């Protein structure tokens, strides 16, 4: 069976018109394969660069936001401490007035 297929293929390529058409199709197939390979490799390269830049941006963003968060937390704790101290002084003033 394989010999029959091989002999049909040989007969197909024996005709010059078929040979040119087959070579053209093979060349187009090779071009598309090489194009797809180069496009995929360029895409992978660019995606890796973008991924690295995103990681650096995320790291810098976190490093920048951490001090801001700590200063906000400190400011909130200072205000809450001032509020508790003012409440204590208010309550002691009220107690003093009630004792008089």
PDB file of N, CA and C in Angstrom:
ATOM      1  N   UNK A   1       0.821  -1.191   0.000  1.00  0.00           N
ATOM      2  CA  UNK A   1       0.000   0.000   0.000  1.00  0.00           C
ATOM      3  C   UNK A   1       0.872   1.266   0.000  1.00  0.00           C
ATOM      4  N   UNK A   2       1.936   1.222   0.819  1.00  0.00           N
ATOM      5  CA  UNK A   2       2.824   2.380   0.880  1.00  0.00           C
ATOM      6  C   UNK A   2       3.542   2.588  -0.455  1.00  0.00           C
ATOM      7  N   UNK A   3       3.871   1.499  -1.102  1.00  0.00           N
ATOM      8  CA  UNK A   3       4.532   1.618  -2.402  1.00  0.00           C
ATOM      9  C   UNK A   3       3.605   2.274  -3.411  1.00  0.00           C
ATOM     10  N   UNK A   4       2.316   1.975  -3.301  1.00  0.00           N
ATOM     11  CA  UNK A   4       1.351   2.570  -4.209  1.00  0.00           C
ATOM     12  C   UNK A   4       1.270   4.081  -3.969  1.00  0.00           C
ATOM     13  N   UNK A   5       1.230   4.477  -2.694  1.00  0.00           N
ATOM     14  CA  UNK A   5       1.173   5.915  -2.368  1.00  0.00           C
ATOM     15  C   UNK A   5       2.445   6.613  -2.818  1.00  0.00           C
ATOM     16  N   UNK A   6       3.575   5.951  -2.619  1.00  0.00           N
ATOM     17  CA  UNK A   6       4.842   6.539  -3.023  1.00  0.00           C
ATOM     18  C   UNK A   6       4.925   6.672  -4.541  1.00  0.00           C
ATOM     19  N   UNK A   7       4.439   5.683  -5.243  1.00  0.00           N
ATOM     20  CA  UNK A   7       4.488   5.764  -6.703  1.00  0.00           C
ATOM     21  C   UNK A   7       3.534   6.842  -7.221  1.00  0.00           C
ATOM     22  N   UNK A   8       2.384   7.025  -6.575  1.00  0.00           N
ATOM     23  CA  UNK A   8       1.473   8.098  -6.973  1.00  0.00           C
ATOM     24  C   UNK A   8       2.105   9.465  -6.713  1.00  0.00           C
ATOM     25  N   UNK A   9       2.818   9.589  -5.615  1.00  0.00           N
ATOM     26  CA  UNK A   9       3.490  10.845  -5.294  1.00  0.00           C
ATOM     27  C   UNK A   9       4.594  11.147  -6.301  1.00  0.00           C
ATOM     28  N   UNK A  10       5.325  10.126  -6.678  1.00  0.00           N
ATOM     29  CA  UNK A  10       6.393  10.317  -7.669  1.00  0.00           C
ATOM     30  C   UNK A  10       5.788  10.727  -9.005  1.00  0.00           C
ATOM     31  N   UNK A  11       4.707  10.093  -9.390  1.00  0.00           N
ATOM     32  CA  UNK A  11       4.045  10.461 -10.637  1.00  0.00           C
ATOM     33  C   UNK A  11       3.498  11.888 -10.570  1.00  0.00           C
ATOM     34  N   UNK A  12       3.008  12.283  -9.411  1.00  0.00           N
ATOM     35  CA  UNK A  12       2.476  13.647  -9.236  1.00  0.00           C
ATOM     36  C   UNK A  12       3.574  14.684  -9.434  1.00  0.00           C
ATOM     37  N   UNK A  13       4.745  14.427  -8.841  1.00  0.00           N
ATOM     38  CA  UNK A  13       5.852  15.378  -8.956  1.00  0.00           C
ATOM     39  C   UNK A  13       6.553  15.315 -10.314  1.00  0.00           C
ATOM     40  N   UNK A  14       6.302  14.297 -11.081  1.00  0.00           N
ATOM     41  CA  UNK A  14       6.936  14.172 -12.403  1.00  0.00           C
ATOM     42  C   UNK A  14       6.423  15.241 -13.354  1.00  0.00           C
ATOM     43  N   UNK A  15       5.213  15.682 -13.138  1.00  0.00           N
ATOM     44  CA  UNK A  15       4.650  16.730 -13.987  1.00  0.00           C
ATOM     45  C   UNK A  15       5.193  18.071 -13.485  1.00  0.00           C
ATOM     46  N   UNK A  16       5.738  18.885 -14.349  1.00  0.00           N
ATOM     47  CA  UNK A  16       6.406  20.144 -13.973  1.00  0.00           C
ATOM     48  C   UNK A  16       5.437  21.118 -13.306  1.00  0.00           C
ATOM     49  N   UNK A  17       4.210  21.190 -13.809  1.00  0.00           N
ATOM     50  CA  UNK A  17       3.228  22.113 -13.236  1.00  0.00           C
ATOM     51  C   UNK A  17       2.909  21.732 -11.785  1.00  0.00           C
ATOM     52  N   UNK A  18       2.732  20.445 -11.535  1.00  0.00           N
ATOM     53  CA  UNK A  18       2.446  19.975 -10.175  1.00  0.00           C
ATOM     54  C   UNK A  18       3.643  20.177  -9.260  1.00  0.00           C
ATOM     55  N   UNK A  19       4.834  20.007  -9.833  1.00  0.00           N
ATOM     56  CA  UNK A  19       6.051  20.178  -9.048  1.00  0.00           C
ATOM     57  C   UNK A  19       6.189  21.635  -8.584  1.00  0.00           C
ATOM     58  N   UNK A  20       5.930  22.568  -9.500  1.00  0.00           N
ATOM     59  CA  UNK A  20       6.015  23.984  -9.113  1.00  0.00           C
ATOM     60  C   UNK A  20       4.969  24.336  -8.060  1.00  0.00           C
ATOM     61  N   UNK A  21       3.772  23.803  -8.230  1.00  0.00           N
ATOM     62  CA  UNK A  21       2.709  24.076  -7.258  1.00  0.00           C
ATOM     63  C   UNK A  21       3.064  23.490  -5.883  1.00  0.00           C
ATOM     64  N   UNK A  22       3.608  22.281  -5.863  1.00  0.00           N
ATOM     65  CA  UNK A  22       3.977  21.640  -4.596  1.00  0.00           C
ATOM     66  C   UNK A  22       5.109  22.410  -3.913  1.00  0.00           C
ATOM     67  N   UNK A  23       6.104  22.840  -4.687  1.00  0.00           N
ATOM     68  CA  UNK A  23       7.210  23.609  -4.111  1.00  0.00           C
ATOM     69  C   UNK A  23       6.702  24.941  -3.563  1.00  0.00           C
ATOM     70  N   UNK A  24       5.765  25.571  -4.288  1.00  0.00           N
ATOM     71  CA  UNK A  24       5.184  26.826  -3.805  1.00  0.00           C
ATOM     72  C   UNK A  24       4.459  26.615  -2.469  1.00  0.00           C
ATOM     73  N   UNK A  25       3.662  25.557  -2.393  1.00  0.00           N
ATOM     74  CA  UNK A  25       2.932  25.275  -1.139  1.00  0.00           C
ATOM     75  C   UNK A  25       3.888  24.955   0.014  1.00  0.00           C
ATOM     76  N   UNK A  26       4.959  24.227  -0.292  1.00  0.00           N
ATOM     77  CA  UNK A  26       5.951  23.916   0.739  1.00  0.00           C
ATOM     78  C   UNK A  26       6.629  25.199   1.211  1.00  0.00           C
ATOM     79  N   UNK A  27       6.960  26.095   0.299  1.00  0.00           N
ATOM     80  CA  UNK A  27       7.594  27.371   0.662  1.00  0.00           C
ATOM     81  C   UNK A  27       6.652  28.235   1.510  1.00  0.00           C
ATOM     82  N   UNK A  28       5.375  28.268   1.127  1.00  0.00           N
ATOM     83  CA  UNK A  28       4.404  29.037   1.919  1.00  0.00           C
ATOM     84  C   UNK A  28       4.281  28.440   3.312  1.00  0.00           C
ATOM     85  N   UNK A  29       4.237  27.130   3.407  1.00  0.00           N
ATOM     86  CA  UNK A  29       4.162  26.462   4.713  1.00  0.00           C
ATOM     87  C   UNK A  29       5.379  26.771   5.578  1.00  0.00           C
ATOM     88  N   UNK A  30       6.564  26.737   4.973  1.00  0.00           N
ATOM     89  CA  UNK A  30       7.786  27.074   5.716  1.00  0.00           C
ATOM     90  C   UNK A  30       7.776  28.532   6.173  1.00  0.00           C
ATOM     91  N   UNK A  31       7.336  29.435   5.281  1.00  0.00           N
ATOM     92  CA  UNK A  31       7.266  30.844   5.656  1.00  0.00           C
ATOM     93  C   UNK A  31       6.328  31.050   6.840  1.00  0.00           C
ATOM     94  N   UNK A  32       5.152  30.451   6.767  1.00  0.00           N
ATOM     95  CA  UNK A  32       4.195  30.605   7.865  1.00  0.00           C
ATOM     96  C   UNK A  32       4.712  29.999   9.169  1.00  0.00           C
ATOM     97  N   UNK A  33       5.407  28.882   9.068  1.00  0.00           N
ATOM     98  CA  UNK A  33       5.981  28.257  10.264  1.00  0.00           C
ATOM     99  C   UNK A  33       7.048  29.141  10.900  1.00  0.00           C
ATOM    100  N   UNK A  34       7.947  29.666  10.071  1.00  0.00           N
ATOM    101  CA  UNK A  34       9.008  30.547  10.583  1.00  0.00           C
ATOM    102  C   UNK A  34       8.408  31.837  11.137  1.00  0.00           C
ATOM    103  N   UNK A  35       7.401  32.372  10.453  1.00  0.00           N
ATOM    104  CA  UNK A  35       6.735  33.583  10.939  1.00  0.00           C
ATOM    105  C   UNK A  35       6.080  33.337  12.300  1.00  0.00           C
ATOM    106  N   UNK A  36       5.393  32.213  12.441  1.00  0.00           N
ATOM    107  CA  UNK A  36       4.735  31.898  13.710  1.00  0.00           C
ATOM    108  C   UNK A  36       5.763  31.708  14.824  1.00  0.00           C
ATOM    109  N   UNK A  37       6.868  31.066  14.512  1.00  0.00           N
ATOM    110  CA  UNK A  37       7.921  30.853  15.504  1.00  0.00           C
ATOM    111  C   UNK A  37       8.532  32.180  15.953  1.00  0.00           C
ATOM    112  N   UNK A  38       8.829  33.057  15.001  1.00  0.00           N
ATOM    113  CA  UNK A  38       9.432  34.348  15.363  1.00  0.00           C
ATOM    114  C   UNK A  38       8.427  35.220  16.113  1.00  0.00           C
ATOM    115  N   UNK A  39       7.146  35.206  15.727  1.00  0.00           N
ATOM    116  CA  UNK A  39       6.139  35.991  16.434  1.00  0.00           C
ATOM    117  C   UNK A  39       5.961  35.489  17.868  1.00  0.00           C
ATOM    118  N   UNK A  40       5.983  34.181  18.040  1.00  0.00           N
ATOM    119  CA  UNK A  40       5.850  33.619  19.388  1.00  0.00           C
ATOM    120  C   UNK A  40       7.051  33.981  20.260  1.00  0.00           C
ATOM    121  N   UNK A  41       8.250  33.910  19.695  1.00  0.00           N
ATOM    122  CA  UNK A  41       9.441  34.232  20.490  1.00  0.00           C
ATOM    123  C   UNK A  41       9.467  35.717  20.857  1.00  0.00           C
ATOM    124  N   UNK A  42       9.075  36.589  19.940  1.00  0.00           N
ATOM    125  CA  UNK A  42       9.011  38.025  20.244  1.00  0.00           C
ATOM    126  C   UNK A  42       7.953  38.288  21.308  1.00  0.00           C
ATOM    127  N   UNK A  43       6.832  37.625  21.198  1.00  0.00           N
ATOM    128  CA  UNK A  43       5.755  37.796  22.176  1.00  0.00           C
ATOM    129  C   UNK A  43       6.196  37.357  23.571  1.00  0.00           C
ATOM    130  N   UNK A  44       6.886  36.236  23.658  1.00  0.00           N
ATOM    131  CA  UNK A  44       7.381  35.754  24.951  1.00  0.00           C
ATOM    132  C   UNK A  44       8.386  36.742  25.530  1.00  0.00           C
ATOM    133  N   UNK A  45       9.279  37.257  24.710  1.00  0.00           N
ATOM    134  CA  UNK A  45      10.278  38.221  25.170  1.00  0.00           C
ATOM    135  C   UNK A  45       9.601  39.478  25.723  1.00  0.00           C
ATOM    136  N   UNK A  46       8.644  40.013  24.977  1.00  0.00           N
ATOM    137  CA  UNK A  46       7.957  41.235  25.405  1.00  0.00           C
ATOM    138  C   UNK A  46       7.147  40.979  26.676  1.00  0.00           C
ATOM    139  N   UNK A  47       6.466  39.842  26.747  1.00  0.00           N
ATOM    140  CA  UNK A  47       5.669  39.520  27.938  1.00  0.00           C
ATOM    141  C   UNK A  47       6.565  39.400  29.173  1.00  0.00           C
ATOM    142  N   UNK A  48       7.748  38.833  29.021  1.00  0.00           N
ATOM    143  CA  UNK A  48       8.676  38.736  30.153  1.00  0.00           C
ATOM    144  C   UNK A  48       9.124  40.122  30.604  1.00  0.00           C
ATOM    145  N   UNK A  49       9.410  41.013  29.654  1.00  0.00           N
ATOM    146  CA  UNK A  49       9.809  42.379  30.021  1.00  0.00           C
ATOM    147  C   UNK A  49       8.672  43.088  30.752  1.00  0.00           C
ATOM    148  N   UNK A  50       7.454  42.952  30.244  1.00  0.00           N
ATOM    149  CA  UNK A  50       6.299  43.598  30.870  1.00  0.00           C
ATOM    150  C   UNK A  50       6.078  43.035  32.265  1.00  0.00           C
ATOM    151  N   UNK A  51       6.210  41.737  32.407  1.00  0.00           N
ATOM    152  CA  UNK A  51       6.027  41.102  33.714  1.00  0.00           C
ATOM    153  C   UNK A  51       7.054  41.619  34.719  1.00  0.00           C
ATOM    154  N   UNK A  52       8.305  41.750  34.290  1.00  0.00           N
ATOM    155  CA  UNK A  52       9.346  42.275  35.179  1.00  0.00           C
ATOM    156  C   UNK A  52       9.051  43.723  35.574  1.00  0.00           C
ATOM    157  N   UNK A  53       8.605  44.534  34.625  1.00  0.00           N
ATOM    158  CA  UNK A  53       8.279  45.926  34.932  1.00  0.00           C
ATOM    159  C   UNK A  53       7.085  46.022  35.886  1.00  0.00           C
ATOM    160  N   UNK A  54       6.093  45.162  35.691  1.00  0.00           N
ATOM    161  CA  UNK A  54       4.941  45.153  36.598  1.00  0.00           C
ATOM    162  C   UNK A  54       5.367  44.763  38.007  1.00  0.00           C
ATOM    163  N   UNK A  55       6.262  43.777  38.107  1.00  0.00           N
ATOM    164  CA  UNK A  55       6.744  43.357  39.424  1.00  0.00           C
ATOM    165  C   UNK A  55       7.504  44.486  40.107  1.00  0.00           C
ATOM    166  N   UNK A  56       8.365  45.184  39.362  1.00  0.00           N
ATOM    167  CA  UNK A  56       9.102  46.312  39.937  1.00  0.00           C
ATOM    168  C   UNK A  56       8.148  47.418  40.378  1.00  0.00           C
ATOM    169  N   UNK A  57       7.144  47.694  39.561  1.00  0.00           N
ATOM    170  CA  UNK A  57       6.165  48.732  39.900  1.00  0.00           C
ATOM    171  C   UNK A  57       5.398  48.354  41.168  1.00  0.00           C
ATOM    172  N   UNK A  58       5.002  47.101  41.263  1.00  0.00           N
ATOM    173  CA  UNK A  58       4.276  46.638  42.441  1.00  0.00           C
ATOM    174  C   UNK A  58       5.149  46.733  43.682  1.00  0.00           C
ATOM    175  N   UNK A  59       6.405  46.353  43.561  1.00  0.00           N
ATOM    176  CA  UNK A  59       7.326  46.425  44.699  1.00  0.00           C
ATOM    177  C   UNK A  59       7.533  47.875  45.128  1.00  0.00           C
ATOM    178  N   UNK A  60       7.753  48.763  44.157  1.00  0.00           N
ATOM    179  CA  UNK A  60       7.938  50.178  44.485  1.00  0.00           C
ATOM    180  C   UNK A  60       6.679  50.784  45.074  1.00  0.00           C
ATOM    181  N   UNK A  61       5.548  50.384  44.567  1.00  0.00           N
ATOM    182  CA  UNK A  61       4.278  50.905  45.065  1.00  0.00           C
ATOM    183  C   UNK A  61       4.049  50.477  46.507  1.00  0.00           C
ATOM    184  N   UNK A  62       4.340  49.222  46.802  1.00  0.00           N
ATOM    185  CA  UNK A  62       4.192  48.741  48.187  1.00  0.00           C
ATOM    186  C   UNK A  62       5.184  49.431  49.111  1.00  0.00           C
ATOM    187  N   UNK A  63       6.418  49.604  48.638  1.00  0.00           N
ATOM    188  CA  UNK A  63       7.428  50.255  49.464  1.00  0.00           C
ATOM    189  C   UNK A  63       7.035  51.701  49.737  1.00  0.00           C
ATOM    190  N   UNK A  64       6.387  52.348  48.782  1.00  0.00           N
ATOM    191  CA  UNK A  64       5.969  53.730  48.961  1.00  0.00           C
ATOM    192  C   UNK A  64       4.752  53.820  49.864  1.00  0.00           C
ATOM    193  N   UNK A  65       3.833  52.869  49.749  1.00  0.00           N
ATOM    194  CA  UNK A  65       2.589  52.950  50.517  1.00  0.00           C
ATOM    195  C   UNK A  65       2.772  52.539  51.974  1.00  0.00           C
ATOM    196  N   UNK A  66       3.765  51.714  52.285  1.00  0.00           N
ATOM    197  CA  UNK A  66       3.969  51.281  53.667  1.00  0.00           C
ATOM    198  C   UNK A  66       4.290  52.446  54.601  1.00  0.00           C
ATOM    199  N   UNK A  67       5.224  53.354  54.255  1.00  0.00           N
ATOM    200  CA  UNK A  67       5.467  54.492  55.153  1.00  0.00           C
ATOM    201  C   UNK A  67       4.240  55.404  55.283  1.00  0.00           C
ATOM    202  N   UNK A  68       3.494  55.555  54.199  1.00  0.00           N
ATOM    203  CA  UNK A  68       2.286  56.379  54.265  1.00  0.00           C
ATOM    204  C   UNK A  68       1.268  55.765  55.206  1.00  0.00           C
ATOM    205  N   UNK A  69       1.141  54.449  55.171  1.00  0.00           N
ATOM    206  CA  UNK A  69       0.201  53.774  56.064  1.00  0.00           C
ATOM    207  C   UNK A  69       0.635  53.911  57.510  1.00  0.00           C
ATOM    208  N   UNK A  70       1.942  53.784  57.761  1.00  0.00           N
ATOM    209  CA  UNK A  70       2.409  53.898  59.141  1.00  0.00           C
ATOM    210  C   UNK A  70       2.217  55.324  59.661  1.00  0.00           C
ATOM    211  N   UNK A  71       2.439  56.321  58.807  1.00  0.00           N
ATOM    212  CA  UNK A  71       2.226  57.697  59.263  1.00  0.00           C
ATOM    213  C   UNK A  71       0.747  57.955  59.506  1.00  0.00           C
ATOM    214  N   UNK A  72      -0.109  57.381  58.694  1.00  0.00           N
ATOM    215  CA  UNK A  72      -1.551  57.538  58.922  1.00  0.00           C
ATOM    216  C   UNK A  72      -1.965  56.839  60.211  1.00  0.00           C
ATOM    217  N   UNK A  73      -1.419  55.660  60.459  1.00  0.00           N
ATOM    218  CA  UNK A  73      -1.738  54.940  61.689  1.00  0.00           C
ATOM    219  C   UNK A  73      -1.231  55.714  62.906  1.00  0.00           C
ATOM    220  N   UNK A  74      -0.025  56.295  62.792  1.00  0.00           N
ATOM    221  CA  UNK A  74       0.509  57.082  63.901  1.00  0.00           C
ATOM    222  C   UNK A  74      -0.352  58.307  64.158  1.00  0.00           C
ATOM    223  N   UNK A  75      -0.787  58.947  63.082  1.00  0.00           N
ATOM    224  CA  UNK A  75      -1.636  60.124  63.241  1.00  0.00           C
ATOM    225  C   UNK A  75      -2.959  59.741  63.877  1.00  0.00           C
ATOM    226  N   UNK A  76      -3.513  58.613  63.495  1.00  0.00           N
ATOM    227  CA  UNK A  76      -4.764  58.160  64.084  1.00  0.00           C
ATOM    228  C   UNK A  76      -4.580  57.797  65.546  1.00  0.00           C
ATOM    229  N   UNK A  77      -3.476  57.155  65.871  1.00  0.00           N
ATOM    230  CA  UNK A  77      -3.243  56.789  67.272  1.00  0.00           C
ATOM    231  C   UNK A  77      -3.008  58.037  68.119  1.00  0.00           C
ATOM    232  N   UNK A  78      -2.325  59.046  67.561  1.00  0.00           N
ATOM    233  CA  UNK A  78      -2.112  60.292  68.299  1.00  0.00           C
ATOM    234  C   UNK A  78      -3.442  60.997  68.553  1.00  0.00           C
ATOM    235  N   UNK A  79      -4.303  61.012  67.547  1.00  0.00           N
ATOM    236  CA  UNK A  79      -5.601  61.671  67.732  1.00  0.00           C
ATOM    237  C   UNK A  79      -6.444  60.896  68.727  1.00  0.00           C
ATOM    238  N   UNK A  80      -6.378  59.585  68.707  1.00  0.00           N
ATOM    239  CA  UNK A  80      -7.167  58.812  69.662  1.00  0.00           C
ATOM    240  C   UNK A  80      -6.610  58.998  71.070  1.00  0.00           C
ATOM    241  N   UNK A  81      -5.293  59.118  71.198  1.00  0.00           N
ATOM    242  CA  UNK A  81      -4.710  59.371  72.516  1.00  0.00           C
ATOM    243  C   UNK A  81      -5.114  60.753  73.013  1.00  0.00           C
ATOM    244  N   UNK A  82      -5.115  61.741  72.115  1.00  0.00           N
ATOM    245  CA  UNK A  82      -5.533  63.081  72.515  1.00  0.00           C
ATOM    246  C   UNK A  82      -7.001  63.093  72.912  1.00  0.00           C
ATOM    247  N   UNK A  83      -7.824  62.328  72.194  1.00  0.00           N
ATOM    248  CA  UNK A  83      -9.240  62.259  72.518  1.00  0.00           C
ATOM    249  C   UNK A  83      -9.451  61.634  73.897  1.00  0.00           C
ATOM    250  N   UNK A  84      -8.715  60.571  74.185  1.00  0.00           N
ATOM    251  CA  UNK A  84      -8.874  59.923  75.491  1.00  0.00           C
ATOM    252  C   UNK A  84      -8.364  60.838  76.602  1.00  0.00           C
ATOM    253  N   UNK A  85      -7.290  61.557  76.339  1.00  0.00           N
ATOM    254  CA  UNK A  85      -6.780  62.481  77.355  1.00  0.00           C
ATOM    255  C   UNK A  85      -7.763  63.627  77.576  1.00  0.00           C
ATOM    256  N   UNK A  86      -8.353  64.148  76.517  1.00  0.00           N
ATOM    257  CA  UNK A  86      -9.310  65.240  76.675  1.00  0.00           C
ATOM    258  C   UNK A  86     -10.568  64.744  77.376  1.00  0.00           C
ATOM    259  N   UNK A  87     -10.970  63.489  77.104  1.00  0.00           N
ATOM    260  CA  UNK A  87     -12.118  62.928  77.799  1.00  0.00           C
ATOM    261  C   UNK A  87     -11.818  62.778  79.281  1.00  0.00           C
ATOM    262  N   UNK A  88     -10.603  62.366  79.595  1.00  0.00           N
ATOM    263  CA  UNK A  88     -10.227  62.216  81.007  1.00  0.00           C
ATOM    264  C   UNK A  88     -10.240  63.567  81.697  1.00  0.00           C
ATOM    265  N   UNK A  89      -9.698  64.597  81.049  1.00  0.00           N
ATOM    266  CA  UNK A  89      -9.679  65.921  81.676  1.00  0.00           C
ATOM    267  C   UNK A  89     -11.096  66.468  81.791  1.00  0.00           C
ATOM    268  N   UNK A  90     -11.932  66.213  80.804  1.00  0.00           N
ATOM    269  CA  UNK A  90     -13.324  66.656  80.876  1.00  0.00           C
ATOM    270  C   UNK A  90     -14.060  65.968  82.009  1.00  0.00           C
ATOM    271  N   UNK A  91     -13.838  64.665  82.138  1.00  0.00           N
ATOM    272  CA  UNK A  91     -14.534  63.939  83.202  1.00  0.00           C
ATOM    273  C   UNK A  91     -14.005  64.356  84.573  1.00  0.00           C
ATOM    274  N   UNK A  92     -12.700  64.625  84.681  1.00  0.00           N
ATOM    275  CA  UNK A  92     -12.167  65.071  85.975  1.00  0.00           C
ATOM    276  C   UNK A  92     -12.671  66.472  86.297  1.00  0.00           C
ATOM    277  N   UNK A  93     -12.822  67.326  85.298  1.00  0.00           N
ATOM    278  CA  UNK A  93     -13.381  68.656  85.515  1.00  0.00           C
ATOM    279  C   UNK A  93     -14.837  68.563  85.949  1.00  0.00           C
ATOM    280  N   UNK A  94     -15.573  67.642  85.351  1.00  0.00           N
ATOM    281  CA  UNK A  94     -16.969  67.450  85.733  1.00  0.00           C
ATOM    282  C   UNK A  94     -17.068  66.921  87.156  1.00  0.00           C
ATOM    283  N   UNK A  95     -16.174  66.033  87.517  1.00  0.00           N
ATOM    284  CA  UNK A  95     -16.165  65.479  88.873  1.00  0.00           C
ATOM    285  C   UNK A  95     -15.822  66.569  89.886  1.00  0.00           C
ATOM    286  N   UNK A  96     -14.881  67.441  89.541  1.00  0.00           N
ATOM    287  CA  UNK A  96     -14.516  68.521  90.433  1.00  0.00           C
ATOM    288  C   UNK A  96     -15.683  69.486  90.653  1.00  0.00           C
ATOM    289  N   UNK A  97     -16.404  69.762  89.562  1.00  0.00           N
ATOM    290  CA  UNK A  97     -17.541  70.676  89.668  1.00  0.00           C
ATOM    291  C   UNK A  97     -18.661  70.035  90.485  1.00  0.00           C
ATOM    292  N   UNK A  98     -18.840  68.740  90.341  1.00  0.00           N
ATOM    293  CA  UNK A  98     -19.878  68.039  91.098  1.00  0.00           C
ATOM    294  C   UNK A  98     -19.514  67.971  92.569  1.00  0.00           C
ATOM    295  N   UNK A  99     -18.247  67.849  92.883  1.00  0.00           N
ATOM    296  CA  UNK A  99     -17.794  67.777  94.272  1.00  0.00           C
ATOM    297  C   UNK A  99     -17.924  69.121  94.980  1.00  0.00           C
ATOM    298  N   UNK A 100     -17.955  70.215  94.317  1.00  0.00           N
ATOM    299  CA  UNK A 100     -18.026  71.533  94.928  1.00  0.00           C
ATOM    300  C   UNK A 100     -19.382  71.794  95.373  1.00  0.00           C
TER     301      UNK A 100
END
